[in-house]
């Protein structure tokens, strides 16, 4: 599997033999935590579609998934993520079922529901900080 960083707010996942690789358009492009989040959505979607396809005797050699995200205005958080599935060899009549399968992805479900995040200090005495919540 290969992940191409296509921009500061986008990436593309393509199936390739061998280990996972990550490519950027230039050496000064970084793989940000937001790219990691997009990679998680793309990878999960790909895995679900690959499993679904194997049950239908379909190939995923030409399956590509593009993920882009938009930041919330004035905040350092993602407000919206969009995944685009390109699969030229998939018969047209199977697209509705493929999209249903893609929406079963656990990362998709996690991102579409509220997640509680807790951060704590380990191995240190840290006083409670009033007014700070996770």
C-alpha atoms as a PDB file:
ATOM      1  CA  UNK A   1       0.000   0.000   0.000  1.00  0.00           C
ATOM      2  CA  UNK A   2       1.233   3.469  -0.806  1.00  0.00           C
ATOM      3  CA  UNK A   3       0.084   6.788   0.594  1.00  0.00           C
ATOM      4  CA  UNK A   4       0.837   9.874  -1.470  1.00  0.00           C
ATOM      5  CA  UNK A   5       0.663  13.239   0.274  1.00  0.00           C
ATOM      6  CA  UNK A   6      -1.127  15.315  -2.352  1.00  0.00           C
ATOM      7  CA  UNK A   7      -1.301  18.508  -0.304  1.00  0.00           C
ATOM      8  CA  UNK A   8      -1.298  19.954   3.199  1.00  0.00           C
ATOM      9  CA  UNK A   9      -4.919  18.834   3.552  1.00  0.00           C
ATOM     10  CA  UNK A  10      -5.124  15.780   1.299  1.00  0.00           C
ATOM     11  CA  UNK A  11      -3.683  12.383   0.410  1.00  0.00           C
ATOM     12  CA  UNK A  12      -4.216   9.406  -1.875  1.00  0.00           C
ATOM     13  CA  UNK A  13      -4.023   5.719  -0.998  1.00  0.00           C
ATOM     14  CA  UNK A  14      -3.178   3.208  -3.738  1.00  0.00           C
ATOM     15  CA  UNK A  15      -2.659  -0.539  -3.485  1.00  0.00           C
ATOM     16  CA  UNK A  16       0.932  -1.601  -4.156  1.00  0.00           C
ATOM     17  CA  UNK A  17       2.775  -4.805  -3.359  1.00  0.00           C
ATOM     18  CA  UNK A  18       5.040  -4.849  -0.329  1.00  0.00           C
ATOM     19  CA  UNK A  19       5.170  -2.736   2.765  1.00  0.00           C
ATOM     20  CA  UNK A  20       3.333   0.499   3.396  1.00  0.00           C
ATOM     21  CA  UNK A  21       5.185   3.480   1.965  1.00  0.00           C
ATOM     22  CA  UNK A  22       4.475   7.175   2.283  1.00  0.00           C
ATOM     23  CA  UNK A  23       5.536   9.568  -0.466  1.00  0.00           C
ATOM     24  CA  UNK A  24       5.513  13.342  -0.497  1.00  0.00           C
ATOM     25  CA  UNK A  25       5.802  15.724  -3.459  1.00  0.00           C
ATOM     26  CA  UNK A  26       9.004  17.204  -2.035  1.00  0.00           C
ATOM     27  CA  UNK A  27      11.514  16.561   0.726  1.00  0.00           C
ATOM     28  CA  UNK A  28      10.225  19.518   2.734  1.00  0.00           C
ATOM     29  CA  UNK A  29       6.671  18.096   2.889  1.00  0.00           C
ATOM     30  CA  UNK A  30       5.935  16.613   6.291  1.00  0.00           C
ATOM     31  CA  UNK A  31       3.641  13.766   7.296  1.00  0.00           C
ATOM     32  CA  UNK A  32       1.516  15.645   9.809  1.00  0.00           C
ATOM     33  CA  UNK A  33      -0.803  14.228  12.460  1.00  0.00           C
ATOM     34  CA  UNK A  34      -3.656  15.302  10.176  1.00  0.00           C
ATOM     35  CA  UNK A  35      -2.159  13.210   7.370  1.00  0.00           C
ATOM     36  CA  UNK A  36      -2.101  10.332   9.864  1.00  0.00           C
ATOM     37  CA  UNK A  37      -5.798  10.865  10.570  1.00  0.00           C
ATOM     38  CA  UNK A  38      -6.574  10.933   6.842  1.00  0.00           C
ATOM     39  CA  UNK A  39      -4.419   7.822   6.348  1.00  0.00           C
ATOM     40  CA  UNK A  40      -6.392   6.031   9.053  1.00  0.00           C
ATOM     41  CA  UNK A  41      -9.665   6.774   7.250  1.00  0.00           C
ATOM     42  CA  UNK A  42      -8.248   5.798   3.842  1.00  0.00           C
ATOM     43  CA  UNK A  43      -6.589   2.637   5.169  1.00  0.00           C
ATOM     44  CA  UNK A  44      -9.673   1.496   7.043  1.00  0.00           C
ATOM     45  CA  UNK A  45     -11.916   2.172   4.039  1.00  0.00           C
ATOM     46  CA  UNK A  46      -9.512   0.273   1.791  1.00  0.00           C
ATOM     47  CA  UNK A  47      -9.362  -2.693   4.178  1.00  0.00           C
ATOM     48  CA  UNK A  48     -13.150  -2.952   4.359  1.00  0.00           C
ATOM     49  CA  UNK A  49     -13.494  -2.702   0.571  1.00  0.00           C
ATOM     50  CA  UNK A  50     -10.703  -5.227   0.030  1.00  0.00           C
ATOM     51  CA  UNK A  51     -12.449  -7.700   2.326  1.00  0.00           C
ATOM     52  CA  UNK A  52     -15.816  -7.083   0.641  1.00  0.00           C
ATOM     53  CA  UNK A  53     -14.216  -7.489  -2.801  1.00  0.00           C
ATOM     54  CA  UNK A  54     -12.548 -10.777  -1.884  1.00  0.00           C
ATOM     55  CA  UNK A  55     -15.973 -12.206  -0.991  1.00  0.00           C
ATOM     56  CA  UNK A  56     -17.208 -11.190  -4.460  1.00  0.00           C
ATOM     57  CA  UNK A  57     -14.085 -12.403  -6.339  1.00  0.00           C
ATOM     58  CA  UNK A  58     -13.298  -8.811  -7.348  1.00  0.00           C
ATOM     59  CA  UNK A  59      -9.837  -7.297  -7.683  1.00  0.00           C
ATOM     60  CA  UNK A  60      -8.746  -4.097  -5.959  1.00  0.00           C
ATOM     61  CA  UNK A  61      -5.616  -3.467  -8.043  1.00  0.00           C
ATOM     62  CA  UNK A  62      -7.104  -0.249  -9.454  1.00  0.00           C
ATOM     63  CA  UNK A  63      -8.858   0.931  -6.273  1.00  0.00           C
ATOM     64  CA  UNK A  64      -7.686   4.369  -5.154  1.00  0.00           C
ATOM     65  CA  UNK A  65      -8.955   6.407  -2.220  1.00  0.00           C
ATOM     66  CA  UNK A  66      -8.488  10.154  -1.959  1.00  0.00           C
ATOM     67  CA  UNK A  67      -9.062  11.826   1.394  1.00  0.00           C
ATOM     68  CA  UNK A  68      -9.154  15.547   1.971  1.00  0.00           C
ATOM     69  CA  UNK A  69     -10.011  17.534   5.049  1.00  0.00           C
ATOM     70  CA  UNK A  70     -10.974  21.054   5.955  1.00  0.00           C
ATOM     71  CA  UNK A  71      -9.962  22.825   9.123  1.00  0.00           C
ATOM     72  CA  UNK A  72     -12.491  24.626  11.298  1.00  0.00           C
ATOM     73  CA  UNK A  73     -12.086  28.352  10.859  1.00  0.00           C
ATOM     74  CA  UNK A  74      -9.888  29.827  13.569  1.00  0.00           C
ATOM     75  CA  UNK A  75      -9.258  26.452  15.208  1.00  0.00           C
ATOM     76  CA  UNK A  76      -6.546  23.835  14.898  1.00  0.00           C
ATOM     77  CA  UNK A  77      -8.911  20.905  14.315  1.00  0.00           C
ATOM     78  CA  UNK A  78     -10.502  19.140  11.392  1.00  0.00           C
ATOM     79  CA  UNK A  79     -14.073  20.187  10.711  1.00  0.00           C
ATOM     80  CA  UNK A  80     -14.791  17.972   7.704  1.00  0.00           C
ATOM     81  CA  UNK A  81     -13.278  14.981   5.912  1.00  0.00           C
ATOM     82  CA  UNK A  82     -14.217  13.746   2.453  1.00  0.00           C
ATOM     83  CA  UNK A  83     -13.238  10.395   0.963  1.00  0.00           C
ATOM     84  CA  UNK A  84     -13.440   9.783  -2.779  1.00  0.00           C
ATOM     85  CA  UNK A  85     -13.262   6.213  -4.053  1.00  0.00           C
ATOM     86  CA  UNK A  86     -11.993   5.574  -7.576  1.00  0.00           C
ATOM     87  CA  UNK A  87     -12.387   1.978  -8.768  1.00  0.00           C
ATOM     88  CA  UNK A  88     -12.585   1.749 -12.580  1.00  0.00           C
ATOM     89  CA  UNK A  89     -12.962  -2.041 -12.710  1.00  0.00           C
ATOM     90  CA  UNK A  90     -15.926  -2.137 -10.303  1.00  0.00           C
ATOM     91  CA  UNK A  91     -19.137  -2.892 -12.235  1.00  0.00           C
ATOM     92  CA  UNK A  92     -21.651  -0.035 -12.041  1.00  0.00           C
ATOM     93  CA  UNK A  93     -24.333  -2.219 -10.468  1.00  0.00           C
ATOM     94  CA  UNK A  94     -22.049  -2.978  -7.489  1.00  0.00           C
ATOM     95  CA  UNK A  95     -21.312   0.655  -6.554  1.00  0.00           C
ATOM     96  CA  UNK A  96     -24.240   1.036  -4.121  1.00  0.00           C
ATOM     97  CA  UNK A  97     -23.122  -2.066  -2.197  1.00  0.00           C
ATOM     98  CA  UNK A  98     -19.466  -0.993  -2.279  1.00  0.00           C
ATOM     99  CA  UNK A  99     -20.380   2.392  -0.796  1.00  0.00           C
ATOM    100  CA  UNK A 100     -22.436   0.707   1.922  1.00  0.00           C
ATOM    101  CA  UNK A 101     -19.429  -1.489   2.706  1.00  0.00           C
ATOM    102  CA  UNK A 102     -17.092   1.526   2.775  1.00  0.00           C
ATOM    103  CA  UNK A 103     -19.317   3.182   5.367  1.00  0.00           C
ATOM    104  CA  UNK A 104     -18.802   0.214   7.726  1.00  0.00           C
ATOM    105  CA  UNK A 105     -15.214   1.344   8.360  1.00  0.00           C
ATOM    106  CA  UNK A 106     -14.550   1.645  12.112  1.00  0.00           C
ATOM    107  CA  UNK A 107     -12.524   4.850  11.677  1.00  0.00           C
ATOM    108  CA  UNK A 108     -15.443   6.398   9.791  1.00  0.00           C
ATOM    109  CA  UNK A 109     -17.756   5.475  12.685  1.00  0.00           C
ATOM    110  CA  UNK A 110     -15.284   6.843  15.228  1.00  0.00           C
ATOM    111  CA  UNK A 111     -14.979  10.165  13.399  1.00  0.00           C
ATOM    112  CA  UNK A 112     -18.735  10.573  13.011  1.00  0.00           C
ATOM    113  CA  UNK A 113     -19.401  10.164  16.723  1.00  0.00           C
ATOM    114  CA  UNK A 114     -18.165  12.142  19.678  1.00  0.00           C
ATOM    115  CA  UNK A 115     -14.983  10.708  21.178  1.00  0.00           C
ATOM    116  CA  UNK A 116     -13.931  11.353  24.751  1.00  0.00           C
ATOM    117  CA  UNK A 117     -10.189  11.979  25.035  1.00  0.00           C
ATOM    118  CA  UNK A 118      -8.394  12.015  28.381  1.00  0.00           C
ATOM    119  CA  UNK A 119      -4.789  13.106  28.868  1.00  0.00           C
ATOM    120  CA  UNK A 120      -3.020  12.432  32.156  1.00  0.00           C
ATOM    121  CA  UNK A 121       0.476  12.676  33.563  1.00  0.00           C
ATOM    122  CA  UNK A 122       2.193   9.388  34.352  1.00  0.00           C
ATOM    123  CA  UNK A 123       5.032   9.096  36.821  1.00  0.00           C
ATOM    124  CA  UNK A 124       4.699  12.636  38.002  1.00  0.00           C
ATOM    125  CA  UNK A 125       2.724  14.452  40.607  1.00  0.00           C
ATOM    126  CA  UNK A 126       0.675  16.998  38.777  1.00  0.00           C
ATOM    127  CA  UNK A 127      -1.840  19.251  40.426  1.00  0.00           C
ATOM    128  CA  UNK A 128      -5.271  19.568  38.914  1.00  0.00           C
ATOM    129  CA  UNK A 129      -5.514  22.566  36.653  1.00  0.00           C
ATOM    130  CA  UNK A 130      -8.792  24.372  37.084  1.00  0.00           C
ATOM    131  CA  UNK A 131     -10.750  25.124  33.963  1.00  0.00           C
ATOM    132  CA  UNK A 132      -8.899  22.627  31.761  1.00  0.00           C
ATOM    133  CA  UNK A 133     -10.864  19.734  30.364  1.00  0.00           C
ATOM    134  CA  UNK A 134     -10.070  17.204  27.684  1.00  0.00           C
END
